[in-house]
Protein backbone atom coordinates (compact mmCIF):
# COMPACT_ATOMS: atom_id res chain seq x y z
CA UNK A 1 -3.75 79.64 -215.30
CA UNK A 2 -0.17 79.05 -216.44
CA UNK A 3 2.47 81.49 -215.27
CA UNK A 4 4.86 80.97 -218.16
CA UNK A 5 2.86 82.31 -221.07
CA UNK A 6 0.29 84.94 -222.03
CA UNK A 7 -3.18 83.49 -221.61
CA UNK A 8 -5.47 83.25 -224.63
CA UNK A 9 -9.20 83.36 -223.88
CA UNK A 10 -11.93 82.13 -226.17
CA UNK A 11 -15.06 84.16 -226.82
CA UNK A 12 -17.02 81.76 -224.61
CA UNK A 13 -14.60 82.14 -221.69
CA UNK A 14 -14.97 85.91 -221.79
CA UNK A 15 -18.76 85.62 -221.98
CA UNK A 16 -18.77 83.32 -218.95
CA UNK A 17 -16.74 85.77 -216.84
CA UNK A 18 -19.06 88.61 -217.85
CA UNK A 19 -22.06 86.53 -216.86
CA UNK A 20 -23.49 86.38 -220.38
CA UNK A 21 -25.32 83.39 -221.88
CA UNK A 22 -23.37 81.53 -224.54
CA UNK A 23 -23.86 82.72 -228.09
CA UNK A 24 -22.48 81.47 -231.42
CA UNK A 25 -18.99 79.99 -231.30
CA UNK A 26 -17.87 82.43 -233.99
CA UNK A 27 -19.11 85.72 -232.60
CA UNK A 28 -20.24 87.35 -229.38
CA UNK A 29 -22.09 90.55 -228.54
CA UNK A 30 -21.84 92.26 -225.17
CA UNK A 31 -23.82 95.39 -224.27
CA UNK A 32 -23.28 96.45 -220.67
CA UNK A 33 -25.24 98.88 -218.58
CA UNK A 34 -23.05 99.96 -215.70
CA UNK A 35 -22.82 96.54 -214.05
CA UNK A 36 -19.08 96.09 -213.57
CA UNK A 37 -18.39 95.67 -209.88
CA UNK A 38 -14.69 94.96 -210.21
CA UNK A 39 -12.13 94.61 -212.97
CA UNK A 40 -12.38 91.28 -214.83
CA UNK A 41 -9.17 89.87 -216.33
CA UNK A 42 -6.61 91.84 -214.35
CA UNK A 43 -3.77 90.14 -216.23
CA UNK A 44 -2.62 90.54 -219.87
CA UNK A 45 -4.36 88.20 -222.31
CA UNK A 46 -5.12 87.57 -225.94
CA UNK A 47 -8.39 86.42 -227.44
CA UNK A 48 -9.15 84.18 -230.39
CA UNK A 49 -11.17 86.88 -232.08
CA UNK A 50 -11.36 90.24 -233.79
CA UNK A 51 -13.59 92.89 -232.36
CA UNK A 52 -14.99 96.39 -232.11
CA UNK A 53 -15.21 98.02 -228.68
CA UNK A 54 -17.36 101.10 -228.09
CA UNK A 55 -17.48 103.12 -224.88
CA UNK A 56 -21.05 104.42 -224.52
CA UNK A 57 -20.57 106.08 -221.14
CA UNK A 58 -17.60 106.81 -218.85
CA UNK A 59 -14.08 105.82 -219.81
CA UNK A 60 -11.82 102.79 -219.99
CA UNK A 61 -8.04 102.62 -219.65
CA UNK A 62 -6.29 99.71 -221.38
CA UNK A 63 -2.91 98.60 -222.64
CA UNK A 64 -2.83 97.22 -226.18
CA UNK A 65 0.55 95.68 -226.99
CA UNK A 66 1.99 97.71 -224.10
CA UNK A 67 0.64 100.98 -225.53
CA UNK A 68 -1.71 102.89 -223.22
CA UNK A 69 -5.13 103.96 -224.49
CA UNK A 70 -7.92 105.79 -222.73
CA UNK A 71 -11.20 105.13 -224.54
CA UNK A 72 -13.86 107.65 -223.60
CA UNK A 73 -17.56 108.16 -224.28
CA UNK A 74 -18.50 107.81 -227.96
CA UNK A 75 -15.14 106.37 -228.99
CA UNK A 76 -14.53 103.05 -230.78
CA UNK A 77 -11.43 100.94 -231.27
CA UNK A 78 -10.79 97.77 -233.26
CA UNK A 79 -9.04 94.76 -231.71
CA UNK A 80 -7.24 91.84 -233.35
CA UNK A 81 -6.10 88.41 -232.04
CA UNK A 82 -2.41 89.28 -232.06
CA UNK A 83 -3.11 92.21 -229.71
CA UNK A 84 -2.29 91.68 -226.03
CA UNK A 85 -5.13 93.28 -224.06
CA UNK A 86 -4.56 94.44 -220.49
CA UNK A 87 -7.36 96.25 -218.66
CA UNK A 88 -5.97 98.92 -216.33
CA UNK A 89 -8.90 100.92 -214.95
CA UNK A 90 -12.41 102.16 -215.71
CA UNK A 91 -14.88 104.72 -214.42
CA UNK A 92 -17.78 103.73 -212.19
CA UNK A 93 -20.31 104.75 -214.84
CA UNK A 94 -18.71 102.65 -217.59
CA UNK A 95 -21.05 101.29 -220.27
CA UNK A 96 -19.67 99.51 -223.31
CA UNK A 97 -20.84 97.72 -226.43
CA UNK A 98 -18.61 95.09 -228.00
CA UNK A 99 -18.80 92.82 -231.02
CA UNK A 100 -16.28 89.97 -231.23
CA UNK A 101 -15.89 87.61 -234.16
CA UNK A 102 -13.45 85.00 -235.42
CA UNK A 103 -11.74 84.77 -238.79
CA UNK A 104 -13.77 81.61 -239.41
CA UNK A 105 -16.98 83.62 -239.13
CA UNK A 106 -15.82 85.78 -242.04
CA UNK A 107 -14.92 82.83 -244.22
CA UNK A 108 -17.97 80.73 -243.33
CA UNK A 109 -20.27 83.52 -244.37
CA UNK A 110 -18.55 84.01 -247.71
CA UNK A 111 -17.01 87.39 -246.98
CA UNK A 112 -14.13 87.78 -249.39
CA UNK A 113 -11.34 89.97 -248.12
CA UNK A 114 -10.07 90.37 -251.66
CA UNK A 115 -13.42 92.02 -252.52
CA UNK A 116 -14.45 93.82 -249.32
CA UNK A 117 -12.41 96.88 -248.47
CA UNK A 118 -14.35 97.16 -245.22
CA UNK A 119 -12.14 94.47 -243.65
CA UNK A 120 -8.90 96.37 -244.20
CA UNK A 121 -8.46 97.05 -240.47
CA UNK A 122 -7.95 93.30 -239.91
CA UNK A 123 -4.47 93.41 -241.40
CA UNK A 124 -3.07 96.28 -239.31
CA UNK A 125 -1.18 96.01 -236.04
CA UNK A 126 -1.93 99.54 -234.87
CA UNK A 127 -5.45 100.92 -235.29
CA UNK A 128 -6.20 104.24 -233.60
CA UNK A 129 -9.43 104.87 -231.76
CA UNK A 130 -12.12 106.84 -233.56
CA UNK A 131 -14.48 109.50 -232.25
CA UNK A 132 -18.14 108.83 -233.03
CA UNK A 133 -21.24 110.97 -232.79
CA UNK A 134 -24.06 109.94 -230.46
CA UNK A 135 -26.04 109.03 -233.58
CA UNK A 136 -23.21 106.77 -234.77
CA UNK A 137 -23.08 104.99 -231.41
CA UNK A 138 -26.83 104.38 -231.43
CA UNK A 139 -26.59 102.85 -234.91
CA UNK A 140 -23.72 100.55 -233.96
CA UNK A 141 -25.46 99.44 -230.78
CA UNK A 142 -28.73 98.79 -232.64
CA UNK A 143 -26.91 96.60 -235.17
CA UNK A 144 -25.13 94.77 -232.32
CA UNK A 145 -28.52 94.16 -230.68
CA UNK A 146 -30.02 92.81 -233.92
CA UNK A 147 -27.18 90.30 -234.25
CA UNK A 148 -27.55 89.22 -230.62
CA UNK A 149 -31.34 88.90 -230.79
CA UNK A 150 -31.40 86.97 -234.06
CA UNK A 151 -28.73 84.58 -232.84
CA UNK A 152 -30.88 83.81 -229.81
CA UNK A 153 -34.29 83.37 -231.44
CA UNK A 154 -33.17 81.97 -234.84
CA UNK A 155 -36.38 82.89 -236.63
CA UNK A 156 -36.79 82.75 -240.41
CA UNK A 157 -33.74 84.12 -242.27
CA UNK A 158 -31.91 84.69 -238.97
CA UNK A 159 -28.53 83.80 -240.45
CA UNK A 160 -29.00 86.14 -243.41
CA UNK A 161 -30.00 88.97 -241.06
CA UNK A 162 -26.89 88.40 -238.93
CA UNK A 163 -24.61 88.18 -241.96
CA UNK A 164 -25.92 91.36 -243.55
CA UNK A 165 -26.02 93.30 -240.28
CA UNK A 166 -22.40 92.35 -239.74
CA UNK A 167 -21.53 93.60 -243.23
CA UNK A 168 -23.23 96.94 -242.53
CA UNK A 169 -21.22 97.29 -239.31
CA UNK A 170 -17.94 96.69 -241.14
CA UNK A 171 -18.76 99.10 -243.94
CA UNK A 172 -19.94 101.77 -241.53
CA UNK A 173 -16.84 101.42 -239.36
CA UNK A 174 -14.63 101.75 -242.45
CA UNK A 175 -16.52 104.83 -243.64
CA UNK A 176 -15.97 106.49 -240.25
CA UNK A 177 -12.32 105.49 -240.32
CA UNK A 178 -11.82 107.04 -243.76
CA UNK A 179 -13.64 110.19 -242.73
CA UNK A 180 -11.18 110.55 -239.87
CA UNK A 181 -8.14 109.55 -241.93
CA UNK A 182 -9.00 110.68 -245.49
CA UNK A 183 -5.42 110.49 -246.72
CA UNK A 184 -4.94 106.88 -245.67
CA UNK A 185 -3.47 105.08 -248.65
CA UNK A 186 -5.56 102.19 -249.94
CA UNK A 187 -3.46 99.15 -250.73
CA UNK A 188 -4.07 96.45 -253.29
CA UNK A 189 -6.67 94.29 -251.55
CA UNK A 190 -5.10 91.04 -252.80
CA UNK A 191 -2.03 92.06 -250.86
CA UNK A 192 -4.19 92.75 -247.82
CA UNK A 193 -5.61 89.23 -247.98
CA UNK A 194 -2.11 87.73 -248.03
CA UNK A 195 -1.08 89.96 -245.14
CA UNK A 196 -4.17 88.97 -243.16
CA UNK A 197 -3.39 85.28 -243.63
CA UNK A 198 0.25 85.81 -242.71
CA UNK A 199 -0.62 87.63 -239.48
CA UNK A 200 -3.00 84.83 -238.51
CA UNK A 201 -0.24 82.26 -239.10
CA UNK A 202 2.31 84.37 -237.27
CA UNK A 203 0.13 84.69 -234.19
CA UNK A 204 -0.30 80.92 -234.08
CA UNK A 205 3.31 79.91 -234.75
CA UNK A 206 5.78 82.66 -233.82
CA UNK A 207 7.16 80.88 -230.76
CA UNK A 208 8.14 77.78 -232.72
CA UNK A 209 8.68 79.14 -236.24
CA UNK A 210 10.64 82.30 -237.08
CA UNK A 211 11.94 81.57 -240.56
CA UNK A 212 10.54 83.50 -243.51
CA UNK A 213 10.63 80.27 -245.53
CA UNK A 214 8.18 78.55 -243.16
CA UNK A 215 5.48 81.18 -243.69
CA UNK A 216 6.18 81.57 -247.40
CA UNK A 217 5.80 77.82 -247.95
CA UNK A 218 2.40 77.70 -246.23
CA UNK A 219 1.20 80.73 -248.20
CA UNK A 220 2.58 79.27 -251.47
CA UNK A 221 4.75 82.27 -252.34
CA UNK A 222 8.48 82.90 -252.38
CA UNK A 223 10.11 84.49 -249.31
CA UNK A 224 11.08 87.52 -251.38
CA UNK A 225 7.55 88.02 -252.70
CA UNK A 226 6.04 87.67 -249.23
CA UNK A 227 8.39 90.27 -247.79
CA UNK A 228 7.70 92.61 -250.70
CA UNK A 229 3.93 92.39 -250.19
CA UNK A 230 4.13 92.86 -246.43
CA UNK A 231 6.47 95.81 -246.87
CA UNK A 232 3.93 97.50 -249.14
CA UNK A 233 0.96 96.85 -246.85
CA UNK A 234 2.48 97.20 -243.38
CA UNK A 235 5.74 99.04 -244.04
CA UNK A 236 7.68 96.11 -242.54
CA UNK A 237 9.28 92.95 -243.89
CA UNK A 238 8.43 89.42 -242.75
CA UNK A 239 11.52 89.30 -240.54
CA UNK A 240 10.70 92.63 -238.95
CA UNK A 241 7.14 91.53 -238.16
CA UNK A 242 8.34 88.25 -236.70
CA UNK A 243 10.91 89.99 -234.52
CA UNK A 244 8.36 92.60 -233.45
CA UNK A 245 5.87 90.09 -232.09
CA UNK A 246 8.63 88.10 -230.31
CA UNK A 247 9.98 91.26 -228.66
CA UNK A 248 6.50 92.35 -227.61
CA UNK A 249 5.81 88.91 -226.11
CA UNK A 250 9.14 89.00 -224.31
CA UNK A 251 8.46 92.43 -222.82
CA UNK A 252 5.08 91.36 -221.48
CA UNK A 253 6.50 88.16 -220.01
CA UNK A 254 9.40 90.07 -218.43
CA UNK A 255 6.74 92.16 -216.71
CA UNK A 256 5.65 89.02 -214.88
CA UNK A 257 8.08 88.90 -211.95
CA UNK A 258 7.21 85.27 -211.20
CA UNK A 259 9.23 84.34 -214.28
CA UNK A 260 13.00 84.24 -214.47
CA UNK A 261 14.72 85.47 -217.63
CA UNK A 262 15.67 81.85 -218.31
CA UNK A 263 12.01 80.82 -218.17
CA UNK A 264 11.08 83.58 -220.60
CA UNK A 265 13.84 82.44 -222.95
CA UNK A 266 12.62 78.85 -222.73
CA UNK A 267 8.98 79.76 -223.33
CA UNK A 268 9.96 81.71 -226.43
CA UNK A 269 11.92 78.70 -227.72
CA UNK A 270 15.41 80.25 -227.59
CA UNK A 271 18.28 77.78 -227.28
CA UNK A 272 19.37 79.36 -224.00
CA UNK A 273 19.23 82.54 -221.93
CA UNK A 274 22.29 83.96 -223.65
CA UNK A 275 20.76 83.66 -227.13
CA UNK A 276 17.59 85.31 -225.88
CA UNK A 277 19.59 88.12 -224.24
CA UNK A 278 21.47 88.85 -227.47
CA UNK A 279 18.25 88.86 -229.51
CA UNK A 280 16.43 91.12 -227.04
CA UNK A 281 19.28 93.62 -226.77
CA UNK A 282 19.74 93.71 -230.54
CA UNK A 283 16.11 94.72 -231.06
CA UNK A 284 15.56 96.93 -228.02
CA UNK A 285 19.00 98.30 -227.17
CA UNK A 286 18.72 97.01 -223.59
CA UNK A 287 19.25 93.67 -221.86
CA UNK A 288 16.27 91.69 -220.51
CA UNK A 289 17.37 92.29 -216.90
CA UNK A 290 17.79 96.03 -217.42
CA UNK A 291 14.42 96.18 -219.18
CA UNK A 292 12.83 94.45 -216.20
CA UNK A 293 14.51 96.86 -213.78
CA UNK A 294 13.37 99.91 -215.77
CA UNK A 295 9.86 98.47 -215.94
CA UNK A 296 9.79 98.10 -212.15
CA UNK A 297 10.91 101.70 -211.73
CA UNK A 298 8.12 102.88 -214.03
């Protein structure tokens, strides 16, 4: 495991650590029953997938992009690839159900983001947890089980059953989200698709590419149009989103005391430590060294 960057784990790597048999390369279902003996993945990491995490019993404490969440019984939270996940603690009676899936799974199965409002959570950086009823949890878990079972036995129409079960999960999650947040403004879904594609590109390229032009060219739009769309959907411009993910990455790496500030600057592709220091202070109001000191004190 490299010390100079935040690890990214594939779905299969996570399954292996959890002692699960390999499933499809594009999705993974995990339903635990109080069998965690110690904390897996004690370090911050990203995954290559989107996901829904439900706590069925007990509670789970995690950091998502440095923000602390305590997920308790009958609560669900959505996860995205650009989110840095750091498991902090969990109760002895913890039971979870999780469904992870890649962007490729959506596209391969002909889900069209421009048509399906149920995928709107994929384009947001910050998704709050939702409270479910016991009945809701049972339904989600049953659908998770159907997907897992059909992927293993591959009987007649197994792919269609998986695809449609997945669609039901997405629609049901979105219905619960809108029940909880009824005044949430619905954006133009064409804009959401562009935002989704931008965030995927950003997560893959932000260390090497920070110019608006780079992302606009790949997405075949002008820089001004791209920023306008992202501002409408996320409330932030392209430059703001780029800077936000770089700052977040820097903060997490500065929390690793094996790294010097110079190493952090180098990993994030800054010309030198001074340039990194100026960037970090401009966007946080504090120098990298002072941030590290305050983090130690906390």
